[in-house]
Amino acid sequence: MITPPEDLSPLTLAARWTSRIFSVCLEMMIPGLIGYWLDGWLGSTPWLMLSGFAVGAPLAMWHLIQMTSERPKGTGSGMAGNSGTDGEQEERDPSR
């Protein structure tokens, strides 16, 4: 993902997140709707619709987690007070 410039307006950032969330919603809904259409065409109600939603929901959740866990390069973990070790603690010599 390309790191966006820091001088973007709040409206631009809101529009970007709105489009991302809308795409996650579509990823969740479209497989179920395709299954619903196939159920009507094949007469297998409701199995393909349920299968579509069973595939779409985890796919959308995975994509949402992946989008929200992305960090711009060079920023560390984003947590205040982190020294860049990503949760690792320094080993101490027990003889001291």
N, C-alpha and C. Protein backbone atom coordinates (compact mmCIF):
# COMPACT_ATOMS: atom_id res chain seq x y z
N MET A 1 0.84 -1.17 0.00
CA MET A 1 0.00 0.00 0.00
C MET A 1 0.88 1.22 0.00
N ILE A 2 0.52 2.21 -0.78
CA ILE A 2 1.27 3.44 -0.87
C ILE A 2 0.96 4.30 0.35
N THR A 3 2.00 4.84 0.96
CA THR A 3 1.81 5.68 2.14
C THR A 3 1.24 7.02 1.70
N PRO A 4 0.07 7.41 2.21
CA PRO A 4 -0.52 8.67 1.80
C PRO A 4 0.22 9.85 2.42
N PRO A 5 0.26 10.98 1.74
CA PRO A 5 0.89 12.16 2.33
C PRO A 5 0.14 12.61 3.58
N GLU A 6 0.87 13.23 4.50
CA GLU A 6 0.29 13.64 5.77
C GLU A 6 -0.63 14.84 5.66
N ASP A 7 -0.59 15.57 4.55
CA ASP A 7 -1.38 16.79 4.44
C ASP A 7 -2.76 16.58 3.80
N LEU A 8 -3.29 15.36 3.88
CA LEU A 8 -4.63 15.10 3.35
C LEU A 8 -5.68 15.67 4.28
N SER A 9 -6.75 16.16 3.69
CA SER A 9 -7.82 16.73 4.50
C SER A 9 -8.60 15.61 5.19
N PRO A 10 -9.26 15.93 6.30
CA PRO A 10 -10.07 14.92 6.99
C PRO A 10 -11.17 14.35 6.10
N LEU A 11 -11.71 15.17 5.20
CA LEU A 11 -12.75 14.69 4.30
C LEU A 11 -12.20 13.65 3.32
N THR A 12 -10.97 13.86 2.86
CA THR A 12 -10.34 12.89 1.97
C THR A 12 -10.10 11.57 2.69
N LEU A 13 -9.59 11.63 3.91
CA LEU A 13 -9.37 10.42 4.68
C LEU A 13 -10.69 9.70 4.97
N ALA A 14 -11.75 10.44 5.28
CA ALA A 14 -13.06 9.83 5.52
C ALA A 14 -13.58 9.14 4.26
N ALA A 15 -13.37 9.77 3.11
CA ALA A 15 -13.81 9.16 1.85
C ALA A 15 -13.05 7.88 1.57
N ARG A 16 -11.76 7.87 1.88
CA ARG A 16 -10.97 6.64 1.67
C ARG A 16 -11.48 5.52 2.56
N TRP A 17 -11.71 5.80 3.85
CA TRP A 17 -12.19 4.76 4.75
C TRP A 17 -13.61 4.33 4.41
N THR A 18 -14.43 5.25 3.93
CA THR A 18 -15.79 4.89 3.52
C THR A 18 -15.74 3.91 2.36
N SER A 19 -14.87 4.16 1.39
CA SER A 19 -14.78 3.25 0.25
C SER A 19 -14.23 1.89 0.68
N ARG A 20 -13.30 1.87 1.62
CA ARG A 20 -12.76 0.59 2.11
C ARG A 20 -13.85 -0.22 2.82
N ILE A 21 -14.61 0.43 3.68
CA ILE A 21 -15.67 -0.28 4.43
C ILE A 21 -16.77 -0.74 3.49
N PHE A 22 -17.09 0.07 2.47
CA PHE A 22 -18.10 -0.33 1.49
C PHE A 22 -17.63 -1.57 0.73
N SER A 23 -16.34 -1.62 0.40
CA SER A 23 -15.84 -2.80 -0.32
C SER A 23 -15.91 -4.05 0.57
N VAL A 24 -15.67 -3.90 1.88
CA VAL A 24 -15.79 -5.04 2.79
C VAL A 24 -17.24 -5.51 2.85
N CYS A 25 -18.18 -4.57 2.89
CA CYS A 25 -19.61 -4.95 2.90
C CYS A 25 -19.98 -5.70 1.63
N LEU A 26 -19.49 -5.23 0.50
CA LEU A 26 -19.78 -5.93 -0.76
C LEU A 26 -19.15 -7.33 -0.78
N GLU A 27 -17.94 -7.45 -0.23
CA GLU A 27 -17.31 -8.77 -0.18
C GLU A 27 -18.13 -9.74 0.66
N MET A 28 -18.84 -9.21 1.65
CA MET A 28 -19.65 -10.06 2.52
C MET A 28 -20.98 -10.41 1.85
N MET A 29 -21.57 -9.49 1.12
CA MET A 29 -22.92 -9.66 0.59
C MET A 29 -22.98 -10.34 -0.78
N ILE A 30 -22.05 -10.03 -1.66
CA ILE A 30 -22.14 -10.52 -3.05
C ILE A 30 -22.13 -12.05 -3.15
N PRO A 31 -21.25 -12.77 -2.43
CA PRO A 31 -21.33 -14.25 -2.54
C PRO A 31 -22.68 -14.81 -2.09
N GLY A 32 -23.28 -14.24 -1.06
CA GLY A 32 -24.60 -14.70 -0.61
C GLY A 32 -25.69 -14.39 -1.62
N LEU A 33 -25.60 -13.21 -2.24
CA LEU A 33 -26.60 -12.85 -3.26
C LEU A 33 -26.46 -13.70 -4.51
N ILE A 34 -25.23 -14.02 -4.87
CA ILE A 34 -25.03 -14.94 -6.01
C ILE A 34 -25.59 -16.31 -5.66
N GLY A 35 -25.37 -16.76 -4.43
CA GLY A 35 -25.94 -18.03 -3.99
C GLY A 35 -27.46 -18.02 -4.00
N TYR A 36 -28.05 -16.89 -3.59
CA TYR A 36 -29.51 -16.74 -3.62
C TYR A 36 -30.03 -16.86 -5.06
N TRP A 37 -29.34 -16.19 -5.99
CA TRP A 37 -29.75 -16.25 -7.39
C TRP A 37 -29.61 -17.68 -7.94
N LEU A 38 -28.48 -18.34 -7.60
CA LEU A 38 -28.29 -19.72 -8.06
C LEU A 38 -29.31 -20.67 -7.43
N ASP A 39 -29.68 -20.43 -6.17
CA ASP A 39 -30.71 -21.25 -5.53
C ASP A 39 -32.03 -21.14 -6.28
N GLY A 40 -32.40 -19.94 -6.68
CA GLY A 40 -33.64 -19.75 -7.43
C GLY A 40 -33.58 -20.41 -8.79
N TRP A 41 -32.41 -20.37 -9.41
CA TRP A 41 -32.25 -20.94 -10.75
C TRP A 41 -32.19 -22.47 -10.70
N LEU A 42 -31.54 -23.01 -9.67
CA LEU A 42 -31.38 -24.46 -9.57
C LEU A 42 -32.42 -25.12 -8.67
N GLY A 43 -33.14 -24.34 -7.90
CA GLY A 43 -34.15 -24.88 -7.00
C GLY A 43 -33.57 -25.56 -5.77
N SER A 44 -32.44 -25.10 -5.31
CA SER A 44 -31.78 -25.74 -4.17
C SER A 44 -31.86 -24.89 -2.90
N THR A 45 -32.89 -24.10 -2.79
CA THR A 45 -33.04 -23.14 -1.69
C THR A 45 -32.86 -23.80 -0.34
N PRO A 46 -32.20 -23.26 0.61
CA PRO A 46 -31.34 -22.07 0.73
C PRO A 46 -29.86 -22.39 0.77
N TRP A 47 -29.45 -23.57 0.30
CA TRP A 47 -28.10 -24.06 0.55
C TRP A 47 -27.00 -23.23 -0.11
N LEU A 48 -27.17 -22.82 -1.33
CA LEU A 48 -26.12 -22.04 -1.99
C LEU A 48 -26.03 -20.63 -1.41
N MET A 49 -27.17 -20.06 -0.99
CA MET A 49 -27.15 -18.75 -0.36
C MET A 49 -26.37 -18.82 0.96
N LEU A 50 -26.66 -19.83 1.78
CA LEU A 50 -25.96 -19.98 3.04
C LEU A 50 -24.47 -20.25 2.82
N SER A 51 -24.16 -21.03 1.80
CA SER A 51 -22.75 -21.28 1.47
C SER A 51 -22.05 -20.00 1.03
N GLY A 52 -22.76 -19.18 0.26
CA GLY A 52 -22.18 -17.91 -0.18
C GLY A 52 -21.89 -16.98 0.98
N PHE A 53 -22.83 -16.89 1.92
CA PHE A 53 -22.59 -16.05 3.09
C PHE A 53 -21.50 -16.65 3.98
N ALA A 54 -21.43 -17.98 4.04
CA ALA A 54 -20.40 -18.63 4.84
C ALA A 54 -19.01 -18.40 4.26
N VAL A 55 -18.91 -18.18 2.97
CA VAL A 55 -17.63 -17.86 2.34
C VAL A 55 -17.37 -16.36 2.42
N GLY A 56 -18.39 -15.56 2.19
CA GLY A 56 -18.21 -14.10 2.13
C GLY A 56 -17.89 -13.47 3.47
N ALA A 57 -18.50 -13.92 4.55
CA ALA A 57 -18.28 -13.29 5.86
C ALA A 57 -16.84 -13.44 6.33
N PRO A 58 -16.25 -14.64 6.33
CA PRO A 58 -14.84 -14.73 6.75
C PRO A 58 -13.88 -13.99 5.81
N LEU A 59 -14.20 -14.01 4.51
CA LEU A 59 -13.37 -13.28 3.55
C LEU A 59 -13.37 -11.79 3.87
N ALA A 60 -14.55 -11.24 4.14
CA ALA A 60 -14.66 -9.82 4.45
C ALA A 60 -13.96 -9.49 5.78
N MET A 61 -14.10 -10.35 6.77
CA MET A 61 -13.44 -10.11 8.06
C MET A 61 -11.92 -10.14 7.90
N TRP A 62 -11.42 -11.09 7.13
CA TRP A 62 -9.99 -11.18 6.89
C TRP A 62 -9.49 -9.92 6.20
N HIS A 63 -10.22 -9.44 5.20
CA HIS A 63 -9.83 -8.24 4.48
C HIS A 63 -9.87 -7.02 5.40
N LEU A 64 -10.89 -6.93 6.26
CA LEU A 64 -10.99 -5.81 7.20
C LEU A 64 -9.82 -5.81 8.18
N ILE A 65 -9.48 -6.96 8.70
CA ILE A 65 -8.34 -7.06 9.62
C ILE A 65 -7.05 -6.69 8.92
N GLN A 66 -6.91 -7.15 7.69
CA GLN A 66 -5.71 -6.84 6.92
C GLN A 66 -5.60 -5.34 6.65
N MET A 67 -6.70 -4.69 6.32
CA MET A 67 -6.68 -3.25 6.06
C MET A 67 -6.37 -2.44 7.30
N THR A 68 -6.94 -2.82 8.42
CA THR A 68 -6.75 -2.02 9.63
C THR A 68 -5.42 -2.29 10.31
N SER A 69 -4.74 -3.38 9.99
CA SER A 69 -3.45 -3.65 10.61
C SER A 69 -2.28 -3.13 9.79
N GLU A 70 -2.53 -2.58 8.61
CA GLU A 70 -1.45 -2.02 7.80
C GLU A 70 -0.91 -0.77 8.46
N ARG A 71 0.41 -0.66 8.50
CA ARG A 71 1.06 0.52 9.05
C ARG A 71 1.95 1.13 7.99
N PRO A 72 2.04 2.45 7.96
CA PRO A 72 3.00 3.08 7.04
C PRO A 72 4.41 2.63 7.40
N LYS A 73 5.27 2.54 6.41
CA LYS A 73 6.63 2.06 6.63
C LYS A 73 7.40 3.03 7.52
N GLY A 74 8.19 2.47 8.44
CA GLY A 74 9.05 3.28 9.28
C GLY A 74 8.38 3.89 10.48
N THR A 75 7.19 3.44 10.85
CA THR A 75 6.51 4.04 11.99
C THR A 75 6.52 3.15 13.21
N GLY A 76 7.11 2.00 13.19
CA GLY A 76 7.11 1.11 14.35
C GLY A 76 5.73 0.53 14.56
N SER A 77 5.37 0.32 15.82
CA SER A 77 4.08 -0.31 16.11
C SER A 77 2.97 0.69 16.26
N GLY A 78 3.30 1.98 16.34
CA GLY A 78 2.28 2.99 16.50
C GLY A 78 1.84 3.19 17.94
N MET A 79 2.48 2.49 18.88
CA MET A 79 2.11 2.61 20.29
C MET A 79 3.06 3.58 20.96
N ALA A 80 2.53 4.44 21.81
CA ALA A 80 3.35 5.41 22.52
C ALA A 80 4.30 4.69 23.48
N GLY A 81 5.52 5.17 23.54
CA GLY A 81 6.47 4.61 24.48
C GLY A 81 7.18 3.36 23.99
N ASN A 82 6.94 2.94 22.78
CA ASN A 82 7.59 1.75 22.27
C ASN A 82 8.98 2.13 21.78
N SER A 83 9.98 1.40 22.17
CA SER A 83 11.35 1.72 21.79
C SER A 83 11.75 1.06 20.48
N GLY A 84 10.81 0.51 19.75
CA GLY A 84 11.12 -0.11 18.46
C GLY A 84 11.44 -1.58 18.57
N THR A 85 11.23 -2.20 19.71
CA THR A 85 11.54 -3.62 19.87
C THR A 85 10.34 -4.50 19.63
N ASP A 86 9.16 -3.91 19.35
CA ASP A 86 7.94 -4.67 19.08
C ASP A 86 7.60 -5.66 20.18
N GLY A 87 7.64 -5.19 21.43
CA GLY A 87 7.21 -6.01 22.54
C GLY A 87 8.27 -6.90 23.14
N GLU A 88 9.45 -6.96 22.52
CA GLU A 88 10.50 -7.80 23.06
C GLU A 88 11.14 -7.08 24.24
N GLN A 89 11.44 -7.80 25.28
CA GLN A 89 12.08 -7.19 26.43
C GLN A 89 13.56 -7.51 26.40
N GLU A 90 14.32 -6.57 26.91
CA GLU A 90 15.76 -6.72 26.94
C GLU A 90 16.14 -7.80 27.95
N GLU A 91 17.07 -8.67 27.57
CA GLU A 91 17.53 -9.71 28.47
C GLU A 91 18.51 -9.09 29.46
N ARG A 92 18.38 -9.47 30.73
CA ARG A 92 19.25 -8.94 31.77
C ARG A 92 20.14 -10.05 32.30
N ASP A 93 21.32 -9.65 32.68
CA ASP A 93 22.28 -10.58 33.27
C ASP A 93 21.90 -10.81 34.72
N PRO A 94 21.61 -12.05 35.14
CA PRO A 94 21.18 -12.32 36.53
C PRO A 94 22.29 -12.05 37.54
N SER A 95 23.57 -11.97 37.14
CA SER A 95 24.65 -11.75 38.10
C SER A 95 24.75 -10.29 38.53
N ARG A 96 24.03 -9.38 37.87
CA ARG A 96 24.08 -7.96 38.26
C ARG A 96 23.10 -7.62 39.30
